[in-house]
Amino acid sequence: MERGADKIPPHVAAKNAWFYAEDGAALGAVAPDVVRAMFERTHVPVPQEKWQQMHDSGLDVGARAGRTTEL
């Protein structure tokens, strides 16, 4: 928490990004079903009522859902 606002030097950020990209590409090649499941869970549509309930509960999700398809 103490270093949360510290900046990462660009060369360190680039090196880390390359490692993450490499690992992600490997995971996608070896286990595409896992990557697909991760994507689907991340981008699942949220009904407007549920979105409003989350917003009213204090979550920082914005006042309106971008998608209104039922789960």
Protein backbone atom coordinates (compact mmCIF):
# COMPACT_ATOMS: atom_id res chain seq x y z
CA MET A 1 0.00 0.00 0.00
CA GLU A 2 2.88 2.38 0.72
CA ARG A 3 4.15 2.20 -2.85
CA GLY A 4 0.80 2.12 -4.62
CA ALA A 5 1.22 5.57 -6.16
CA ASP A 6 4.87 5.09 -7.17
CA LYS A 7 5.59 5.09 -10.89
CA ILE A 8 7.22 2.11 -12.57
CA PRO A 9 10.17 3.02 -14.80
CA PRO A 10 9.30 2.54 -18.49
CA HIS A 11 11.98 -0.11 -19.08
CA VAL A 12 10.66 -2.16 -16.14
CA ALA A 13 7.05 -1.80 -17.35
CA ALA A 14 8.07 -2.90 -20.86
CA LYS A 15 9.94 -5.93 -19.50
CA ASN A 16 6.99 -6.94 -17.30
CA ALA A 17 4.53 -6.44 -20.15
CA TRP A 18 6.61 -8.70 -22.38
CA PHE A 19 6.64 -11.47 -19.75
CA TYR A 20 2.86 -11.21 -19.25
CA ALA A 21 2.24 -11.26 -23.02
CA GLU A 22 4.50 -14.27 -23.41
CA ASP A 23 2.76 -16.17 -20.61
CA GLY A 24 -0.66 -15.22 -21.96
CA ALA A 25 0.22 -16.40 -25.46
CA ALA A 26 1.50 -19.69 -24.04
CA LEU A 27 -1.67 -20.20 -22.01
CA GLY A 28 -3.81 -19.45 -25.07
CA ALA A 29 -1.86 -21.95 -27.17
CA VAL A 30 -1.89 -24.70 -24.56
CA ALA A 31 -5.34 -24.20 -23.04
CA PRO A 32 -7.58 -22.14 -25.33
CA ASP A 33 -10.68 -23.34 -23.46
CA VAL A 34 -9.34 -21.78 -20.24
CA VAL A 35 -8.72 -18.44 -21.98
CA ARG A 36 -12.18 -18.54 -23.57
CA ALA A 37 -13.79 -19.24 -20.16
CA MET A 38 -11.84 -16.35 -18.61
CA PHE A 39 -13.03 -14.03 -21.39
CA GLU A 40 -16.65 -15.11 -21.08
CA ARG A 41 -16.66 -14.63 -17.29
CA THR A 42 -15.09 -11.20 -17.66
CA HIS A 43 -17.51 -9.96 -20.33
CA VAL A 44 -20.76 -11.59 -19.24
CA PRO A 45 -23.81 -9.35 -19.85
CA VAL A 46 -25.42 -7.93 -16.69
CA PRO A 47 -29.16 -7.26 -16.44
CA GLN A 48 -30.03 -3.60 -15.78
CA GLU A 49 -31.77 -4.51 -12.50
CA LYS A 50 -28.69 -6.28 -11.14
CA TRP A 51 -26.45 -3.45 -12.33
CA GLN A 52 -28.65 -0.91 -10.53
CA GLN A 53 -28.61 -3.04 -7.36
CA MET A 54 -24.79 -3.14 -7.42
CA HIS A 55 -24.66 0.63 -7.97
CA ASP A 56 -27.16 1.29 -5.18
CA SER A 57 -25.08 -0.91 -2.85
CA GLY A 58 -22.13 1.41 -3.31
CA LEU A 59 -20.08 -0.37 -5.97
CA ASP A 60 -18.33 1.99 -8.37
CA VAL A 61 -19.92 0.56 -11.53
CA GLY A 62 -21.61 3.65 -12.90
CA ALA A 63 -25.32 4.35 -12.83
CA ARG A 64 -26.22 2.46 -16.02
CA ALA A 65 -25.27 -0.92 -17.45
CA GLY A 66 -23.78 -1.03 -20.91
CA ARG A 67 -25.50 -4.33 -21.63
CA THR A 68 -28.94 -5.48 -20.58
CA THR A 69 -29.08 -9.11 -21.75
CA GLU A 70 -30.21 -11.61 -19.11
CA LEU A 71 -27.61 -14.00 -17.65
